[in-house]
Amino acid sequence: MAFTKKTVRDADVDGKRVLMRVDFNVPLKDGVVTDDTRVRAALPTIQYLLDHNAKVILMSHLGRPDGTGFQPELSLRPAAEKLSELLGKPVKFVEDTYGEKAKEAVDSLESGQVLVLENVRFDKREKKNDPEIAKILASYGDIFVLDAFGTAHRAQGSVVGPAAYLPAYAGFLLEKEVDTLTSIFADPERPFVAIVGGSKVSSKIGVLDHLIDSADTLIIGGGMAYTFFLAKGYTVGTSLQEPDWVEPAKKMLEKAEAKGCKILLPVDNVVADHFGEDAKGEAVNSDNIPDDRMGMDIGPKTVQLYTDAIK
C-alpha cells in the first residue's frame, strides 16, 4: 500500500519558508555528536528543499531538559555543526526558539539556506502542546514539514502544533517509514521476526499488540523488558520498570501464546549498581537480578538467543 498523505513533492516550496520538524535527538560527548544516524536520515528531505530554493528552518528536541530555560549540555548547536559538515555548506544556528532572536534569524534567512533553532524542549510548554508555542513556531514558516518519525507519535507543540496553522506535508523519512510499516502489517514475508526496544511498555502498547497479531517471533529489548519480567513474577532490582503496566504485559504474553507468536525476552542481563561510565557490569540470569542492581543491557546468552532467532 503506497503512502497516501501529501509529501514535500506536492508542495511548491520555491522561495518559501519551510518549517521542518526533524529528529536530531543525537548522542553527544564533550559537545560532539557521537552518532550522526538521525541527522543523516533527514538529509534527503533537507537536500530536496534546498534544491528547490526553499528557506529551511529546522527544529528538534534533544534529551530531556527540565523545561526552565537554556541548558548548554543539551544545546542543538553540535547537531547543527554536524549537519553543516554532512551538507558541505554553512548551516545557521540560533540560540533561541520562541523569542525575538529566533524571529530575526528566520527573517534574515535567504532561499537555499538552512537555520537550526535551539532545543524546543527548553520551554516546558512544548511537551504540553501549548497552542501559544504552536502559533509562534507556525509564524516562522509558510509550509510545515514533519520528518521526525521517531517523535511523530507525540502530541507536542513542534510535532503537531504547526499543522493547525500551516499547510502540512510529510518528509521523505516519514514517508519511507510509514510505507515500510504498512507493508509489514498488511502482507509480511515469513518468517516475520519483529524487534521492539525502548524504555516503556506504555508507549509501545499499540505496536506490540499489532505485532502479536502478525509476527511469528517478537523479540523484546530495552528497558521495557523489566516490566515483562515483573509480569513473569521475577524481581528486577532497581531496573527501569512500569508497575502500572505489569497486568497489560501479562495479558500480552497470554495473547501471544494463544496466537502462536513466540515472544523472546532476555534470558540474562548485564547489571550494575549505578548507571555511569565507571560502573562495573556483570551478567546474571533474568530471574536472578539482585535487589541492589539495575539492568543495563542484554547478556551474552541473550545475544546468542536473539542472533539465532534473527538468522
Protein backbone atom coordinates (compact mmCIF):
# COMPACT_ATOMS: atom_id res chain seq x y z
CA MET A 1 0.00 0.00 0.00
CA ALA A 2 1.50 3.32 -1.06
CA PHE A 3 1.79 6.34 1.22
CA THR A 4 -1.48 8.28 0.98
CA LYS A 5 -0.55 11.58 2.66
CA LYS A 6 0.87 14.66 0.96
CA THR A 7 4.65 14.83 0.85
CA VAL A 8 7.05 17.69 0.10
CA ARG A 9 6.81 16.69 -3.57
CA ASP A 10 3.24 18.03 -3.52
CA ALA A 11 4.26 21.45 -2.17
CA ASP A 12 5.51 24.50 -4.05
CA VAL A 13 8.50 25.38 -1.87
CA ASP A 14 10.28 27.79 -4.23
CA GLY A 15 11.25 30.85 -2.16
CA LYS A 16 9.03 29.67 0.72
CA ARG A 17 9.93 29.40 4.38
CA VAL A 18 9.68 25.69 5.21
CA LEU A 19 9.40 24.91 8.91
CA MET A 20 10.54 21.32 9.36
CA ARG A 21 10.39 19.11 12.44
CA VAL A 22 13.35 16.73 12.43
CA ASP A 23 14.64 14.25 14.98
CA PHE A 24 18.11 15.44 15.95
CA ASN A 25 17.95 13.77 19.36
CA VAL A 26 21.52 12.56 18.95
CA PRO A 27 24.06 11.29 21.50
CA LEU A 28 26.68 13.89 22.49
CA LYS A 29 30.02 13.66 24.25
CA ASP A 30 32.06 16.75 25.10
CA GLY A 31 29.90 18.82 22.74
CA VAL A 32 30.40 16.48 19.76
CA VAL A 33 27.83 14.22 18.04
CA THR A 34 28.95 10.62 18.55
CA ASP A 35 26.35 9.01 16.24
CA ASP A 36 25.01 11.05 13.30
CA THR A 37 22.47 8.45 12.06
CA ARG A 38 19.44 10.65 12.78
CA VAL A 39 20.99 13.69 11.15
CA ARG A 40 21.81 11.64 8.03
CA ALA A 41 18.23 10.33 7.95
CA ALA A 42 16.92 13.89 7.49
CA LEU A 43 19.33 14.74 4.64
CA PRO A 44 17.18 13.63 1.65
CA THR A 45 14.30 15.95 2.61
CA ILE A 46 16.58 18.84 3.53
CA GLN A 47 18.55 18.50 0.29
CA TYR A 48 15.33 18.32 -1.75
CA LEU A 49 14.11 21.56 -0.18
CA LEU A 50 17.45 23.28 -0.82
CA ASP A 51 17.48 22.06 -4.42
CA HIS A 52 14.03 23.62 -4.84
CA ASN A 53 15.11 27.02 -3.49
CA ALA A 54 13.39 26.86 -0.10
CA LYS A 55 14.36 28.62 3.12
CA VAL A 56 14.70 25.73 5.57
CA ILE A 57 14.03 26.21 9.30
CA LEU A 58 14.72 23.08 11.35
CA MET A 59 13.51 22.34 14.86
CA SER A 60 14.04 19.37 17.17
CA HIS A 61 14.31 18.31 20.77
CA LEU A 62 17.44 16.83 22.31
CA GLY A 63 17.43 14.86 25.54
CA ARG A 64 15.15 15.66 28.46
CA PRO A 65 15.71 19.24 29.59
CA ASP A 66 13.86 20.41 32.70
CA GLY A 67 11.97 22.98 30.61
CA THR A 68 13.06 26.04 32.55
CA GLY A 69 15.47 27.52 30.02
CA PHE A 70 18.81 27.02 28.30
CA GLN A 71 20.96 24.03 29.31
CA PRO A 72 24.30 24.16 27.45
CA GLU A 73 24.88 20.40 27.56
CA LEU A 74 21.60 19.85 25.65
CA SER A 75 22.05 22.53 23.01
CA LEU A 76 21.41 21.60 19.38
CA ARG A 77 24.49 23.55 18.23
CA PRO A 78 26.60 20.35 17.81
CA ALA A 79 23.81 18.83 15.67
CA ALA A 80 23.76 21.96 13.50
CA GLU A 81 27.54 21.71 13.10
CA LYS A 82 27.26 18.03 12.13
CA LEU A 83 24.53 18.90 9.59
CA SER A 84 26.78 21.57 8.09
CA GLU A 85 29.56 19.01 7.72
CA LEU A 86 27.24 16.46 6.06
CA LEU A 87 25.65 19.01 3.70
CA GLY A 88 29.02 20.53 2.84
CA LYS A 89 27.66 24.05 3.32
CA PRO A 90 27.14 26.52 6.17
CA VAL A 91 24.18 25.94 8.48
CA LYS A 92 22.97 28.83 10.61
CA PHE A 93 22.16 28.26 14.28
CA VAL A 94 20.27 30.48 16.71
CA GLU A 95 20.41 30.04 20.48
CA ASP A 96 16.71 30.78 20.76
CA THR A 97 13.46 29.06 19.81
CA TYR A 98 10.44 31.19 20.59
CA GLY A 99 11.87 34.67 21.11
CA GLU A 100 12.97 37.74 19.18
CA LYS A 101 16.39 36.29 18.27
CA ALA A 102 14.75 33.31 16.58
CA LYS A 103 12.34 35.57 14.69
CA GLU A 104 15.22 37.78 13.48
CA ALA A 105 17.22 34.73 12.36
CA VAL A 106 14.21 33.43 10.40
CA ASP A 107 13.56 36.85 8.82
CA SER A 108 17.17 37.12 7.64
CA LEU A 109 17.19 33.66 6.04
CA GLU A 110 17.58 33.55 2.26
CA SER A 111 16.50 30.90 -0.26
CA GLY A 112 18.83 27.92 -0.25
CA GLN A 113 19.88 28.48 3.37
CA VAL A 114 19.31 26.34 6.47
CA LEU A 115 18.66 27.52 10.02
CA VAL A 116 18.53 25.29 13.11
CA LEU A 117 16.53 26.59 16.07
CA GLU A 118 17.55 25.81 19.64
CA ASN A 119 16.14 22.79 21.53
CA VAL A 120 12.32 23.08 21.55
CA ARG A 121 12.12 21.45 24.97
CA PHE A 122 13.97 24.24 26.78
CA ASP A 123 10.44 25.59 27.30
CA LYS A 124 8.12 23.24 29.22
CA ARG A 125 5.16 24.39 27.11
CA GLU A 126 6.50 22.30 24.20
CA LYS A 127 5.69 18.96 25.86
CA LYS A 128 2.28 20.25 26.93
CA ASN A 129 1.40 21.08 23.30
CA ASP A 130 0.62 24.65 24.33
CA PRO A 131 -1.14 26.43 21.42
CA GLU A 132 0.94 29.56 22.03
CA ILE A 133 4.08 27.56 21.22
CA ALA A 134 2.46 26.22 18.04
CA LYS A 135 1.45 29.73 16.92
CA ILE A 136 4.96 31.11 17.45
CA LEU A 137 6.56 28.26 15.51
CA ALA A 138 3.97 28.47 12.73
CA SER A 139 4.73 32.19 12.35
CA TYR A 140 8.23 31.23 11.13
CA GLY A 141 7.01 29.27 8.11
CA ASP A 142 4.78 29.25 5.05
CA ILE A 143 4.75 25.44 4.99
CA PHE A 144 5.19 22.80 7.71
CA VAL A 145 7.01 19.51 7.06
CA LEU A 146 7.06 16.63 9.54
CA ASP A 147 10.03 14.31 9.07
CA ALA A 148 10.65 13.23 12.67
CA PHE A 149 9.36 9.66 12.52
CA GLY A 150 10.78 8.85 15.97
CA THR A 151 8.63 11.53 17.61
CA ALA A 152 5.64 11.55 15.24
CA HIS A 153 3.50 9.79 17.87
CA ARG A 154 3.92 12.63 20.38
CA ALA A 155 1.20 15.30 20.62
CA GLN A 156 3.67 18.10 21.32
CA GLY A 157 3.96 21.71 20.22
CA SER A 158 6.58 21.33 17.49
CA VAL A 159 5.31 17.94 16.26
CA VAL A 160 1.60 18.53 15.67
CA GLY A 161 1.09 22.19 16.60
CA PRO A 162 2.15 24.00 13.39
CA ALA A 163 -0.11 21.76 11.26
CA ALA A 164 -3.11 23.58 12.75
CA TYR A 165 -1.92 26.85 11.18
CA LEU A 166 0.13 25.90 8.10
CA PRO A 167 -0.25 23.60 5.07
CA ALA A 168 1.39 20.39 6.31
CA TYR A 169 3.37 17.74 4.43
CA ALA A 170 5.39 14.62 5.20
CA GLY A 171 9.11 14.44 4.58
CA PHE A 172 10.79 11.53 2.80
CA LEU A 173 11.89 9.76 6.01
CA LEU A 174 8.34 9.74 7.39
CA GLU A 175 7.03 8.52 4.02
CA LYS A 176 9.57 5.70 3.89
CA GLU A 177 8.99 4.53 7.46
CA VAL A 178 5.19 4.54 7.13
CA ASP A 179 5.37 2.68 3.81
CA THR A 180 7.63 0.06 5.37
CA LEU A 181 5.41 -0.42 8.41
CA THR A 182 2.25 -0.55 6.30
CA SER A 183 3.63 -3.27 4.04
CA ILE A 184 4.87 -5.27 7.04
CA PHE A 185 1.48 -5.28 8.72
CA ALA A 186 -0.54 -5.75 5.53
CA ASP A 187 1.35 -8.67 3.97
CA PRO A 188 4.54 -9.66 5.76
CA GLU A 189 7.09 -12.04 4.28
CA ARG A 190 7.56 -15.07 6.51
CA PRO A 191 9.10 -15.92 8.83
CA PHE A 192 8.37 -12.46 10.25
CA VAL A 193 10.61 -11.52 13.17
CA ALA A 194 9.98 -8.18 14.88
CA ILE A 195 12.37 -6.47 17.32
CA VAL A 196 10.98 -3.85 19.69
CA GLY A 197 13.06 -1.85 22.15
CA GLY A 198 12.68 1.34 24.12
CA SER A 199 12.21 2.11 27.77
CA LYS A 200 8.45 1.86 28.18
CA VAL A 201 5.74 -0.70 27.51
CA SER A 202 3.19 2.12 27.85
CA SER A 203 4.42 3.99 24.76
CA LYS A 204 4.61 0.81 22.61
CA ILE A 205 1.41 -0.96 23.68
CA GLY A 206 -0.40 -0.45 20.34
CA VAL A 207 2.57 -1.56 18.25
CA LEU A 208 3.20 -4.61 20.45
CA ASP A 209 -0.46 -5.62 20.24
CA HIS A 210 -0.45 -5.40 16.42
CA LEU A 211 2.83 -7.30 16.17
CA ILE A 212 1.48 -10.17 18.26
CA ASP A 213 -1.29 -10.47 15.64
CA SER A 214 1.10 -10.68 12.70
CA ALA A 215 4.64 -11.65 13.75
CA ASP A 216 5.95 -15.19 14.09
CA THR A 217 8.57 -14.11 16.63
CA LEU A 218 8.65 -10.93 18.72
CA ILE A 219 11.99 -10.01 20.30
CA ILE A 220 11.80 -7.63 23.27
CA GLY A 221 14.76 -5.45 24.23
CA GLY A 222 15.42 -2.22 26.08
CA GLY A 223 14.06 -1.12 29.45
CA MET A 224 10.57 -2.43 28.70
CA ALA A 225 11.89 -5.98 29.23
CA TYR A 226 11.94 -5.44 33.00
CA THR A 227 8.21 -4.75 33.11
CA PHE A 228 7.70 -8.07 31.29
CA PHE A 229 9.96 -9.73 33.90
CA LEU A 230 7.62 -8.44 36.61
CA ALA A 231 4.71 -9.92 34.65
CA LYS A 232 6.51 -13.28 34.79
CA GLY A 233 6.98 -12.97 38.56
CA TYR A 234 10.70 -12.07 38.51
CA THR A 235 12.25 -9.37 40.69
CA VAL A 236 14.12 -6.63 38.80
CA GLY A 237 16.13 -4.82 41.46
CA THR A 238 16.43 -1.10 40.70
CA SER A 239 15.86 -1.59 36.94
CA LEU A 240 13.58 0.67 34.92
CA GLN A 241 10.02 -0.55 35.39
CA GLU A 242 6.36 0.44 34.98
CA PRO A 243 4.35 -1.23 37.78
CA ASP A 244 1.05 0.03 36.31
CA TRP A 245 1.78 -1.86 33.08
CA VAL A 246 2.56 -5.24 34.58
CA GLU A 247 -1.00 -6.53 34.06
CA PRO A 248 -1.18 -5.39 30.39
CA ALA A 249 2.23 -7.02 29.84
CA LYS A 250 0.91 -10.25 31.36
CA LYS A 251 -2.11 -10.13 29.05
CA MET A 252 0.18 -9.63 26.04
CA LEU A 253 2.20 -12.71 26.97
CA GLU A 254 -1.04 -14.70 27.25
CA LYS A 255 -2.32 -13.35 23.92
CA ALA A 256 0.97 -14.23 22.19
CA GLU A 257 0.75 -17.79 23.44
CA ALA A 258 -2.82 -18.08 22.16
CA LYS A 259 -1.91 -16.58 18.77
CA GLY A 260 1.22 -18.70 18.27
CA CYS A 261 3.54 -15.69 18.37
CA LYS A 262 6.79 -16.56 20.12
CA ILE A 263 7.89 -13.73 22.44
CA LEU A 264 11.60 -13.75 23.25
CA LEU A 265 12.68 -11.93 26.41
CA PRO A 266 16.26 -11.63 27.67
CA VAL A 267 17.45 -14.75 29.50
CA ASP A 268 20.38 -12.90 31.04
CA ASN A 269 21.22 -9.25 31.65
CA VAL A 270 24.22 -7.06 32.29
CA VAL A 271 23.60 -5.38 35.67
CA ALA A 272 25.45 -2.78 37.73
CA ASP A 273 24.89 -0.78 40.92
CA HIS A 274 24.54 2.52 39.03
CA PHE A 275 24.40 3.99 35.53
CA GLY A 276 27.71 5.56 34.51
CA GLU A 277 30.91 5.04 32.57
CA ASP A 278 32.67 3.89 35.76
CA ALA A 279 30.01 1.26 36.52
CA LYS A 280 31.22 -2.35 36.69
CA GLY A 281 28.83 -4.68 34.91
CA GLU A 282 28.24 -8.39 35.39
CA ALA A 283 25.90 -10.79 33.63
CA VAL A 284 23.17 -12.52 35.67
CA ASN A 285 20.19 -14.64 34.70
CA SER A 286 16.91 -12.79 34.22
CA ASP A 287 15.27 -14.49 37.20
CA ASN A 288 18.20 -13.62 39.46
CA ILE A 289 18.69 -9.82 39.33
CA PRO A 290 19.98 -8.70 42.76
CA ASP A 291 17.84 -6.21 44.69
CA ASP A 292 20.59 -3.55 44.61
CA ARG A 293 21.40 -3.91 40.91
CA MET A 294 20.00 -2.26 37.79
CA GLY A 295 19.57 -4.00 34.43
CA MET A 296 21.57 -2.18 31.74
CA ASP A 297 21.57 -4.42 28.67
CA ILE A 298 21.08 -7.94 27.39
CA GLY A 299 23.69 -10.51 28.40
CA PRO A 300 25.80 -12.85 26.24
CA LYS A 301 23.30 -15.77 26.33
CA THR A 302 20.56 -13.40 25.12
CA VAL A 303 22.79 -12.07 22.34
CA GLN A 304 23.14 -15.65 21.09
CA LEU A 305 19.41 -16.38 21.52
CA TYR A 306 18.40 -13.27 19.57
CA THR A 307 21.05 -13.82 16.89
CA ASP A 308 19.84 -17.37 16.28
CA ALA A 309 16.21 -16.21 16.07
CA ILE A 310 17.06 -13.49 13.53
CA LYS A 311 19.22 -15.83 11.42
